[in-house]
């Protein structure tokens, strides 16, 4: 968990797709929509947060299996599943940068 220096107008959760998942919010970015589920408090606002630049950055970091929860108060929770060594910590920094910009 980290605390970003900004607030957001809604919360969002991103997690990997699997066959048992219910329909999630679609971003219009096909690669992202096939790989992840998205839930949120306000669909219109979350699509403003997840602009094409952020979606591309998330896809670029999708070499690890992860889930993300971003709260309105700026708390960002990242749950990564496949880390093997300390070099993987850079991935966390890169993911935090996606939402802090």
PDB file of N, CA and C in Angstrom:
ATOM      1  N   UNK A   1       0.848  -1.164   0.000  1.00  0.00           N
ATOM      2  CA  UNK A   1       0.000   0.000   0.000  1.00  0.00           C
ATOM      3  C   UNK A   1       0.890   1.223   0.000  1.00  0.00           C
ATOM      4  N   UNK A   2       0.491   2.223  -0.759  1.00  0.00           N
ATOM      5  CA  UNK A   2       1.162   3.515  -0.703  1.00  0.00           C
ATOM      6  C   UNK A   2       0.100   4.601  -0.764  1.00  0.00           C
ATOM      7  N   UNK A   3       0.461   5.762  -0.315  1.00  0.00           N
ATOM      8  CA  UNK A   3      -0.443   6.908  -0.317  1.00  0.00           C
ATOM      9  C   UNK A   3       0.061   7.886  -1.366  1.00  0.00           C
ATOM     10  N   UNK A   4      -0.736   8.104  -2.404  1.00  0.00           N
ATOM     11  CA  UNK A   4      -0.379   9.033  -3.461  1.00  0.00           C
ATOM     12  C   UNK A   4      -0.665  10.460  -2.992  1.00  0.00           C
ATOM     13  N   UNK A   5      -0.011  11.421  -3.603  1.00  0.00           N
ATOM     14  CA  UNK A   5      -0.183  12.820  -3.223  1.00  0.00           C
ATOM     15  C   UNK A   5      -1.337  13.480  -3.968  1.00  0.00           C
ATOM     16  N   UNK A   6      -2.379  12.721  -4.242  1.00  0.00           N
ATOM     17  CA  UNK A   6      -3.543  13.279  -4.898  1.00  0.00           C
ATOM     18  C   UNK A   6      -4.772  12.473  -4.523  1.00  0.00           C
ATOM     19  N   UNK A   7      -5.922  13.078  -4.745  1.00  0.00           N
ATOM     20  CA  UNK A   7      -7.194  12.408  -4.499  1.00  0.00           C
ATOM     21  C   UNK A   7      -7.847  12.126  -5.847  1.00  0.00           C
ATOM     22  N   UNK A   8      -8.781  11.193  -5.841  1.00  0.00           N
ATOM     23  CA  UNK A   8      -9.488  10.803  -7.047  1.00  0.00           C
ATOM     24  C   UNK A   8     -10.982  10.926  -6.804  1.00  0.00           C
ATOM     25  N   UNK A   9     -11.748  11.115  -7.878  1.00  0.00           N
ATOM     26  CA  UNK A   9     -13.188  11.318  -7.747  1.00  0.00           C
ATOM     27  C   UNK A   9     -13.979  10.029  -7.611  1.00  0.00           C
ATOM     28  N   UNK A  10     -13.322   8.893  -7.745  1.00  0.00           N
ATOM     29  CA  UNK A  10     -13.969   7.594  -7.595  1.00  0.00           C
ATOM     30  C   UNK A  10     -12.911   6.557  -7.230  1.00  0.00           C
ATOM     31  N   UNK A  11     -13.340   5.380  -6.841  1.00  0.00           N
ATOM     32  CA  UNK A  11     -12.428   4.278  -6.557  1.00  0.00           C
ATOM     33  C   UNK A  11     -12.436   3.342  -7.762  1.00  0.00           C
ATOM     34  N   UNK A  12     -11.389   2.510  -7.858  1.00  0.00           N
ATOM     35  CA  UNK A  12     -11.352   1.501  -8.912  1.00  0.00           C
ATOM     36  C   UNK A  12     -10.589   0.283  -8.434  1.00  0.00           C
ATOM     37  N   UNK A  13     -10.952  -0.852  -9.009  1.00  0.00           N
ATOM     38  CA  UNK A  13     -10.249  -2.107  -8.764  1.00  0.00           C
ATOM     39  C   UNK A  13      -9.988  -2.764 -10.105  1.00  0.00           C
ATOM     40  N   UNK A  14      -8.745  -3.186 -10.306  1.00  0.00           N
ATOM     41  CA  UNK A  14      -8.327  -3.894 -11.513  1.00  0.00           C
ATOM     42  C   UNK A  14      -7.812  -5.253 -11.066  1.00  0.00           C
ATOM     43  N   UNK A  15      -8.286  -6.321 -11.713  1.00  0.00           N
ATOM     44  CA  UNK A  15      -7.811  -7.659 -11.377  1.00  0.00           C
ATOM     45  C   UNK A  15      -7.873  -8.544 -12.619  1.00  0.00           C
ATOM     46  N   UNK A  16      -7.068  -9.601 -12.652  1.00  0.00           N
ATOM     47  CA  UNK A  16      -6.991 -10.448 -13.849  1.00  0.00           C
ATOM     48  C   UNK A  16      -8.321 -11.110 -14.181  1.00  0.00           C
ATOM     49  N   UNK A  17      -8.571 -11.287 -15.460  1.00  0.00           N
ATOM     50  CA  UNK A  17      -9.766 -12.004 -15.915  1.00  0.00           C
ATOM     51  C   UNK A  17      -9.582 -13.501 -15.712  1.00  0.00           C
ATOM     52  N   UNK A  18     -10.683 -14.164 -15.440  1.00  0.00           N
ATOM     53  CA  UNK A  18     -10.716 -15.618 -15.507  1.00  0.00           C
ATOM     54  C   UNK A  18     -12.103 -16.047 -15.962  1.00  0.00           C
ATOM     55  N   UNK A  19     -12.267 -17.301 -16.256  1.00  0.00           N
ATOM     56  CA  UNK A  19     -13.493 -17.799 -16.881  1.00  0.00           C
ATOM     57  C   UNK A  19     -14.735 -17.620 -16.004  1.00  0.00           C
ATOM     58  N   UNK A  20     -14.582 -17.509 -14.701  1.00  0.00           N
ATOM     59  CA  UNK A  20     -15.732 -17.422 -13.802  1.00  0.00           C
ATOM     60  C   UNK A  20     -16.175 -15.991 -13.508  1.00  0.00           C
ATOM     61  N   UNK A  21     -15.463 -15.008 -14.029  1.00  0.00           N
ATOM     62  CA  UNK A  21     -15.766 -13.614 -13.721  1.00  0.00           C
ATOM     63  C   UNK A  21     -17.049 -13.147 -14.379  1.00  0.00           C
ATOM     64  N   UNK A  22     -17.700 -12.227 -13.682  1.00  0.00           N
ATOM     65  CA  UNK A  22     -18.855 -11.550 -14.247  1.00  0.00           C
ATOM     66  C   UNK A  22     -18.359 -10.464 -15.195  1.00  0.00           C
ATOM     67  N   UNK A  23     -19.253  -9.941 -15.975  1.00  0.00           N
ATOM     68  CA  UNK A  23     -18.913  -8.856 -16.892  1.00  0.00           C
ATOM     69  C   UNK A  23     -18.402  -7.653 -16.107  1.00  0.00           C
ATOM     70  N   UNK A  24     -17.303  -7.083 -16.551  1.00  0.00           N
ATOM     71  CA  UNK A  24     -16.775  -5.900 -15.889  1.00  0.00           C
ATOM     72  C   UNK A  24     -16.911  -4.700 -16.812  1.00  0.00           C
ATOM     73  N   UNK A  25     -16.535  -3.550 -16.328  1.00  0.00           N
ATOM     74  CA  UNK A  25     -16.586  -2.321 -17.102  1.00  0.00           C
ATOM     75  C   UNK A  25     -15.574  -2.424 -18.237  1.00  0.00           C
ATOM     76  N   UNK A  26     -15.967  -2.016 -19.413  1.00  0.00           N
ATOM     77  CA  UNK A  26     -15.088  -2.037 -20.581  1.00  0.00           C
ATOM     78  C   UNK A  26     -14.511  -0.647 -20.796  1.00  0.00           C
ATOM     79  N   UNK A  27     -13.209  -0.610 -21.077  1.00  0.00           N
ATOM     80  CA  UNK A  27     -12.525   0.665 -21.282  1.00  0.00           C
ATOM     81  C   UNK A  27     -12.507   1.077 -22.746  1.00  0.00           C
ATOM     82  N   UNK A  28     -12.763   0.135 -23.644  1.00  0.00           N
ATOM     83  CA  UNK A  28     -12.625   0.404 -25.064  1.00  0.00           C
ATOM     84  C   UNK A  28     -11.223   0.098 -25.577  1.00  0.00           C
ATOM     85  N   UNK A  29     -10.319  -0.238 -24.668  1.00  0.00           N
ATOM     86  CA  UNK A  29      -8.951  -0.619 -25.011  1.00  0.00           C
ATOM     87  C   UNK A  29      -8.927  -2.144 -24.982  1.00  0.00           C
ATOM     88  N   UNK A  30      -9.043  -2.764 -26.151  1.00  0.00           N
ATOM     89  CA  UNK A  30      -9.284  -4.201 -26.261  1.00  0.00           C
ATOM     90  C   UNK A  30      -8.269  -5.064 -25.515  1.00  0.00           C
ATOM     91  N   UNK A  31      -6.991  -4.736 -25.613  1.00  0.00           N
ATOM     92  CA  UNK A  31      -5.956  -5.531 -24.948  1.00  0.00           C
ATOM     93  C   UNK A  31      -6.172  -5.530 -23.441  1.00  0.00           C
ATOM     94  N   UNK A  32      -6.476  -4.374 -22.879  1.00  0.00           N
ATOM     95  CA  UNK A  32      -6.741  -4.259 -21.444  1.00  0.00           C
ATOM     96  C   UNK A  32      -8.011  -5.036 -21.083  1.00  0.00           C
ATOM     97  N   UNK A  33      -9.084  -4.822 -21.841  1.00  0.00           N
ATOM     98  CA  UNK A  33     -10.370  -5.453 -21.529  1.00  0.00           C
ATOM     99  C   UNK A  33     -10.312  -6.970 -21.587  1.00  0.00           C
ATOM    100  N   UNK A  34      -9.467  -7.543 -22.439  1.00  0.00           N
ATOM    101  CA  UNK A  34      -9.326  -8.999 -22.520  1.00  0.00           C
ATOM    102  C   UNK A  34      -8.530  -9.555 -21.344  1.00  0.00           C
ATOM    103  N   UNK A  35      -7.640  -8.747 -20.802  1.00  0.00           N
ATOM    104  CA  UNK A  35      -6.723  -9.225 -19.770  1.00  0.00           C
ATOM    105  C   UNK A  35      -7.194  -8.952 -18.345  1.00  0.00           C
ATOM    106  N   UNK A  36      -7.995  -7.885 -18.163  1.00  0.00           N
ATOM    107  CA  UNK A  36      -8.366  -7.442 -16.814  1.00  0.00           C
ATOM    108  C   UNK A  36      -9.851  -7.200 -16.660  1.00  0.00           C
ATOM    109  N   UNK A  37     -10.307  -7.348 -15.424  1.00  0.00           N
ATOM    110  CA  UNK A  37     -11.621  -6.892 -15.015  1.00  0.00           C
ATOM    111  C   UNK A  37     -11.453  -5.547 -14.340  1.00  0.00           C
ATOM    112  N   UNK A  38     -12.470  -4.722 -14.447  1.00  0.00           N
ATOM    113  CA  UNK A  38     -12.454  -3.391 -13.859  1.00  0.00           C
ATOM    114  C   UNK A  38     -13.779  -3.150 -13.169  1.00  0.00           C
ATOM    115  N   UNK A  39     -13.713  -2.799 -11.895  1.00  0.00           N
ATOM    116  CA  UNK A  39     -14.892  -2.366 -11.162  1.00  0.00           C
ATOM    117  C   UNK A  39     -14.587  -0.996 -10.578  1.00  0.00           C
ATOM    118  N   UNK A  40     -15.655  -0.230 -10.299  1.00  0.00           N
ATOM    119  CA  UNK A  40     -15.421   1.126  -9.804  1.00  0.00           C
ATOM    120  C   UNK A  40     -16.689   1.692  -9.195  1.00  0.00           C
ATOM    121  N   UNK A  41     -16.540   2.862  -8.615  1.00  0.00           N
ATOM    122  CA  UNK A  41     -17.681   3.575  -8.057  1.00  0.00           C
ATOM    123  C   UNK A  41     -18.450   4.351  -9.105  1.00  0.00           C
ATOM    124  N   UNK A  42     -17.765   4.900 -10.106  1.00  0.00           N
ATOM    125  CA  UNK A  42     -18.384   5.717 -11.147  1.00  0.00           C
ATOM    126  C   UNK A  42     -17.673   5.453 -12.470  1.00  0.00           C
ATOM    127  N   UNK A  43     -18.375   4.825 -13.392  1.00  0.00           N
ATOM    128  CA  UNK A  43     -17.759   4.403 -14.650  1.00  0.00           C
ATOM    129  C   UNK A  43     -17.216   5.585 -15.456  1.00  0.00           C
ATOM    130  N   UNK A  44     -17.956   6.649 -15.566  1.00  0.00           N
ATOM    131  CA  UNK A  44     -17.507   7.809 -16.346  1.00  0.00           C
ATOM    132  C   UNK A  44     -16.219   8.384 -15.764  1.00  0.00           C
ATOM    133  N   UNK A  45     -16.171   8.541 -14.454  1.00  0.00           N
ATOM    134  CA  UNK A  45     -14.986   9.107 -13.817  1.00  0.00           C
ATOM    135  C   UNK A  45     -13.781   8.183 -13.917  1.00  0.00           C
ATOM    136  N   UNK A  46     -14.013   6.877 -13.798  1.00  0.00           N
ATOM    137  CA  UNK A  46     -12.876   5.951 -13.858  1.00  0.00           C
ATOM    138  C   UNK A  46     -12.287   5.915 -15.271  1.00  0.00           C
ATOM    139  N   UNK A  47     -13.119   6.099 -16.283  1.00  0.00           N
ATOM    140  CA  UNK A  47     -12.595   6.130 -17.643  1.00  0.00           C
ATOM    141  C   UNK A  47     -11.785   7.398 -17.900  1.00  0.00           C
ATOM    142  N   UNK A  48     -12.046   8.449 -17.142  1.00  0.00           N
ATOM    143  CA  UNK A  48     -11.196   9.642 -17.206  1.00  0.00           C
ATOM    144  C   UNK A  48      -9.852   9.381 -16.524  1.00  0.00           C
ATOM    145  N   UNK A  49      -9.873   8.669 -15.410  1.00  0.00           N
ATOM    146  CA  UNK A  49      -8.631   8.322 -14.709  1.00  0.00           C
ATOM    147  C   UNK A  49      -7.795   7.389 -15.571  1.00  0.00           C
ATOM    148  N   UNK A  50      -8.437   6.364 -16.127  1.00  0.00           N
ATOM    149  CA  UNK A  50      -7.734   5.363 -16.943  1.00  0.00           C
ATOM    150  C   UNK A  50      -7.719   5.801 -18.403  1.00  0.00           C
ATOM    151  N   UNK A  51      -7.018   6.876 -18.668  1.00  0.00           N
ATOM    152  CA  UNK A  51      -6.886   7.340 -20.046  1.00  0.00           C
ATOM    153  C   UNK A  51      -6.000   6.362 -20.825  1.00  0.00           C
ATOM    154  N   UNK A  52      -5.868   6.575 -22.129  1.00  0.00           N
ATOM    155  CA  UNK A  52      -5.127   5.625 -22.963  1.00  0.00           C
ATOM    156  C   UNK A  52      -3.669   5.491 -22.531  1.00  0.00           C
ATOM    157  N   UNK A  53      -3.068   6.558 -22.062  1.00  0.00           N
ATOM    158  CA  UNK A  53      -1.681   6.501 -21.596  1.00  0.00           C
ATOM    159  C   UNK A  53      -1.553   5.564 -20.391  1.00  0.00           C
ATOM    160  N   UNK A  54      -2.432   5.711 -19.406  1.00  0.00           N
ATOM    161  CA  UNK A  54      -2.384   4.836 -18.227  1.00  0.00           C
ATOM    162  C   UNK A  54      -2.668   3.390 -18.599  1.00  0.00           C
ATOM    163  N   UNK A  55      -3.646   3.173 -19.465  1.00  0.00           N
ATOM    164  CA  UNK A  55      -3.962   1.804 -19.876  1.00  0.00           C
ATOM    165  C   UNK A  55      -2.770   1.152 -20.566  1.00  0.00           C
ATOM    166  N   UNK A  56      -2.078   1.890 -21.429  1.00  0.00           N
ATOM    167  CA  UNK A  56      -0.892   1.362 -22.094  1.00  0.00           C
ATOM    168  C   UNK A  56       0.212   1.051 -21.088  1.00  0.00           C
ATOM    169  N   UNK A  57       0.380   1.903 -20.091  1.00  0.00           N
ATOM    170  CA  UNK A  57       1.397   1.651 -19.068  1.00  0.00           C
ATOM    171  C   UNK A  57       1.057   0.403 -18.262  1.00  0.00           C
ATOM    172  N   UNK A  58      -0.203   0.223 -17.933  1.00  0.00           N
ATOM    173  CA  UNK A  58      -0.619  -0.965 -17.178  1.00  0.00           C
ATOM    174  C   UNK A  58      -0.365  -2.221 -18.007  1.00  0.00           C
ATOM    175  N   UNK A  59      -0.720  -2.189 -19.281  1.00  0.00           N
ATOM    176  CA  UNK A  59      -0.470  -3.340 -20.167  1.00  0.00           C
ATOM    177  C   UNK A  59       1.025  -3.626 -20.242  1.00  0.00           C
ATOM    178  N   UNK A  60       1.834  -2.581 -20.340  1.00  0.00           N
ATOM    179  CA  UNK A  60       3.288  -2.775 -20.412  1.00  0.00           C
ATOM    180  C   UNK A  60       3.830  -3.451 -19.155  1.00  0.00           C
ATOM    181  N   UNK A  61       3.141  -3.280 -18.029  1.00  0.00           N
ATOM    182  CA  UNK A  61       3.575  -3.877 -16.766  1.00  0.00           C
ATOM    183  C   UNK A  61       2.865  -5.198 -16.472  1.00  0.00           C
ATOM    184  N   UNK A  62       2.114  -5.704 -17.429  1.00  0.00           N
ATOM    185  CA  UNK A  62       1.311  -6.900 -17.154  1.00  0.00           C
ATOM    186  C   UNK A  62       2.077  -8.205 -17.310  1.00  0.00           C
ATOM    187  N   UNK A  63       3.408  -8.128 -17.262  1.00  0.00           N
ATOM    188  CA  UNK A  63       4.208  -9.350 -17.267  1.00  0.00           C
ATOM    189  C   UNK A  63       4.137 -10.067 -15.922  1.00  0.00           C
ATOM    190  N   UNK A  64       3.568  -9.415 -14.915  1.00  0.00           N
ATOM    191  CA  UNK A  64       3.302 -10.024 -13.610  1.00  0.00           C
ATOM    192  C   UNK A  64       1.794 -10.084 -13.399  1.00  0.00           C
ATOM    193  N   UNK A  65       1.341 -11.091 -12.691  1.00  0.00           N
ATOM    194  CA  UNK A  65      -0.070 -11.175 -12.327  1.00  0.00           C
ATOM    195  C   UNK A  65      -0.280 -10.281 -11.112  1.00  0.00           C
ATOM    196  N   UNK A  66      -1.287  -9.408 -11.169  1.00  0.00           N
ATOM    197  CA  UNK A  66      -1.497  -8.453 -10.084  1.00  0.00           C
ATOM    198  C   UNK A  66      -2.955  -8.014  -9.999  1.00  0.00           C
ATOM    199  N   UNK A  67      -3.277  -7.410  -8.873  1.00  0.00           N
ATOM    200  CA  UNK A  67      -4.552  -6.734  -8.658  1.00  0.00           C
ATOM    201  C   UNK A  67      -4.249  -5.376  -8.059  1.00  0.00           C
ATOM    202  N   UNK A  68      -5.100  -4.408  -8.366  1.00  0.00           N
ATOM    203  CA  UNK A  68      -4.900  -3.044  -7.879  1.00  0.00           C
ATOM    204  C   UNK A  68      -6.214  -2.516  -7.334  1.00  0.00           C
ATOM    205  N   UNK A  69      -6.127  -1.802  -6.240  1.00  0.00           N
ATOM    206  CA  UNK A  69      -7.272  -1.059  -5.726  1.00  0.00           C
ATOM    207  C   UNK A  69      -6.812   0.364  -5.461  1.00  0.00           C
ATOM    208  N   UNK A  70      -7.459   1.318  -6.092  1.00  0.00           N
ATOM    209  CA  UNK A  70      -7.170   2.733  -5.896  1.00  0.00           C
ATOM    210  C   UNK A  70      -8.368   3.366  -5.222  1.00  0.00           C
ATOM    211  N   UNK A  71      -8.145   3.934  -4.045  1.00  0.00           N
ATOM    212  CA  UNK A  71      -9.224   4.577  -3.289  1.00  0.00           C
ATOM    213  C   UNK A  71      -9.287   6.064  -3.581  1.00  0.00           C
ATOM    214  N   UNK A  72     -10.419   6.649  -3.315  1.00  0.00           N
ATOM    215  CA  UNK A  72     -10.612   8.073  -3.567  1.00  0.00           C
ATOM    216  C   UNK A  72      -9.618   8.951  -2.813  1.00  0.00           C
ATOM    217  N   UNK A  73      -9.191   8.508  -1.640  1.00  0.00           N
ATOM    218  CA  UNK A  73      -8.271   9.312  -0.838  1.00  0.00           C
ATOM    219  C   UNK A  73      -6.811   9.175  -1.283  1.00  0.00           C
ATOM    220  N   UNK A  74      -6.571   8.420  -2.370  1.00  0.00           N
ATOM    221  CA  UNK A  74      -5.216   8.281  -2.899  1.00  0.00           C
ATOM    222  C   UNK A  74      -4.457   7.074  -2.402  1.00  0.00           C
ATOM    223  N   UNK A  75      -5.087   6.236  -1.580  1.00  0.00           N
ATOM    224  CA  UNK A  75      -4.414   5.004  -1.161  1.00  0.00           C
ATOM    225  C   UNK A  75      -4.447   4.010  -2.315  1.00  0.00           C
ATOM    226  N   UNK A  76      -3.279   3.508  -2.673  1.00  0.00           N
ATOM    227  CA  UNK A  76      -3.130   2.558  -3.765  1.00  0.00           C
ATOM    228  C   UNK A  76      -2.641   1.233  -3.198  1.00  0.00           C
ATOM    229  N   UNK A  77      -3.442   0.208  -3.363  1.00  0.00           N
ATOM    230  CA  UNK A  77      -3.074  -1.135  -2.913  1.00  0.00           C
ATOM    231  C   UNK A  77      -2.707  -1.955  -4.140  1.00  0.00           C
ATOM    232  N   UNK A  78      -1.550  -2.590  -4.087  1.00  0.00           N
ATOM    233  CA  UNK A  78      -1.092  -3.434  -5.183  1.00  0.00           C
ATOM    234  C   UNK A  78      -0.803  -4.820  -4.626  1.00  0.00           C
ATOM    235  N   UNK A  79      -1.430  -5.818  -5.222  1.00  0.00           N
ATOM    236  CA  UNK A  79      -1.205  -7.209  -4.846  1.00  0.00           C
ATOM    237  C   UNK A  79      -0.584  -7.907  -6.046  1.00  0.00           C
ATOM    238  N   UNK A  80       0.703  -8.200  -5.972  1.00  0.00           N
ATOM    239  CA  UNK A  80       1.417  -8.869  -7.059  1.00  0.00           C
ATOM    240  C   UNK A  80       1.692 -10.308  -6.653  1.00  0.00           C
ATOM    241  N   UNK A  81       1.594 -11.215  -7.614  1.00  0.00           N
ATOM    242  CA  UNK A  81       1.586 -12.637  -7.303  1.00  0.00           C
ATOM    243  C   UNK A  81       2.825 -13.416  -7.697  1.00  0.00           C
ATOM    244  N   UNK A  82       3.691 -12.897  -8.534  1.00  0.00           N
ATOM    245  CA  UNK A  82       4.736 -13.758  -9.100  1.00  0.00           C
ATOM    246  C   UNK A  82       6.147 -13.182  -9.002  1.00  0.00           C
ATOM    247  N   UNK A  83       6.445 -12.534  -7.912  1.00  0.00           N
ATOM    248  CA  UNK A  83       7.767 -11.928  -7.771  1.00  0.00           C
ATOM    249  C   UNK A  83       8.761 -12.937  -7.230  1.00  0.00           C
ATOM    250  N   UNK A  84       9.985 -12.884  -7.781  1.00  0.00           N
ATOM    251  CA  UNK A  84      10.987 -13.870  -7.413  1.00  0.00           C
ATOM    252  C   UNK A  84      12.182 -13.281  -6.687  1.00  0.00           C
ATOM    253  N   UNK A  85      12.489 -12.007  -6.923  1.00  0.00           N
ATOM    254  CA  UNK A  85      13.682 -11.440  -6.293  1.00  0.00           C
ATOM    255  C   UNK A  85      13.521  -9.925  -6.103  1.00  0.00           C
ATOM    256  N   UNK A  86      14.511  -9.334  -5.498  1.00  0.00           N
ATOM    257  CA  UNK A  86      14.454  -7.904  -5.176  1.00  0.00           C
ATOM    258  C   UNK A  86      14.435  -7.020  -6.423  1.00  0.00           C
ATOM    259  N   UNK A  87      14.934  -7.510  -7.552  1.00  0.00           N
ATOM    260  CA  UNK A  87      14.895  -6.723  -8.778  1.00  0.00           C
ATOM    261  C   UNK A  87      13.462  -6.436  -9.218  1.00  0.00           C
ATOM    262  N   UNK A  88      12.534  -7.274  -8.800  1.00  0.00           N
ATOM    263  CA  UNK A  88      11.135  -7.076  -9.157  1.00  0.00           C
ATOM    264  C   UNK A  88      10.512  -5.888  -8.432  1.00  0.00           C
ATOM    265  N   UNK A  89      11.176  -5.344  -7.428  1.00  0.00           N
ATOM    266  CA  UNK A  89      10.633  -4.190  -6.710  1.00  0.00           C
ATOM    267  C   UNK A  89      10.484  -2.975  -7.627  1.00  0.00           C
ATOM    268  N   UNK A  90      11.311  -2.886  -8.651  1.00  0.00           N
ATOM    269  CA  UNK A  90      11.186  -1.787  -9.608  1.00  0.00           C
ATOM    270  C   UNK A  90       9.803  -1.790 -10.246  1.00  0.00           C
ATOM    271  N   UNK A  91       9.245  -2.982 -10.447  1.00  0.00           N
ATOM    272  CA  UNK A  91       7.903  -3.094 -11.017  1.00  0.00           C
ATOM    273  C   UNK A  91       6.894  -2.329 -10.166  1.00  0.00           C
ATOM    274  N   UNK A  92       6.989  -2.456  -8.839  1.00  0.00           N
ATOM    275  CA  UNK A  92       6.077  -1.734  -7.943  1.00  0.00           C
ATOM    276  C   UNK A  92       6.218  -0.228  -8.128  1.00  0.00           C
ATOM    277  N   UNK A  93       7.438   0.248  -8.199  1.00  0.00           N
ATOM    278  CA  UNK A  93       7.680   1.682  -8.394  1.00  0.00           C
ATOM    279  C   UNK A  93       7.074   2.142  -9.719  1.00  0.00           C
ATOM    280  N   UNK A  94       7.261   1.338 -10.754  1.00  0.00           N
ATOM    281  CA  UNK A  94       6.708   1.690 -12.056  1.00  0.00           C
ATOM    282  C   UNK A  94       5.179   1.733 -12.014  1.00  0.00           C
ATOM    283  N   UNK A  95       4.549   0.789 -11.313  1.00  0.00           N
ATOM    284  CA  UNK A  95       3.088   0.772 -11.221  1.00  0.00           C
ATOM    285  C   UNK A  95       2.592   1.963 -10.406  1.00  0.00           C
ATOM    286  N   UNK A  96       3.284   2.309  -9.349  1.00  0.00           N
ATOM    287  CA  UNK A  96       2.911   3.494  -8.562  1.00  0.00           C
ATOM    288  C   UNK A  96       3.003   4.739  -9.441  1.00  0.00           C
ATOM    289  N   UNK A  97       4.023   4.815 -10.280  1.00  0.00           N
ATOM    290  CA  UNK A  97       4.186   5.957 -11.194  1.00  0.00           C
ATOM    291  C   UNK A  97       3.012   6.086 -12.162  1.00  0.00           C
ATOM    292  N   UNK A  98       2.407   4.971 -12.552  1.00  0.00           N
ATOM    293  CA  UNK A  98       1.269   5.012 -13.459  1.00  0.00           C
ATOM    294  C   UNK A  98       0.143   5.874 -12.853  1.00  0.00           C
ATOM    295  N   UNK A  99      -0.068   5.736 -11.555  1.00  0.00           N
ATOM    296  CA  UNK A  99      -1.196   6.419 -10.917  1.00  0.00           C
ATOM    297  C   UNK A  99      -0.801   7.737 -10.254  1.00  0.00           C
ATOM    298  N   UNK A 100       0.469   8.000 -10.122  1.00  0.00           N
ATOM    299  CA  UNK A 100       0.877   9.243  -9.447  1.00  0.00           C
ATOM    300  C   UNK A 100       1.112  10.381 -10.427  1.00  0.00           C
ATOM    301  N   UNK A 101       1.007  10.108 -11.712  1.00  0.00           N
ATOM    302  CA  UNK A 101       1.264  11.132 -12.713  1.00  0.00           C
ATOM    303  C   UNK A 101       0.043  11.877 -13.165  1.00  0.00           C
TER     304      UNK A 101
END
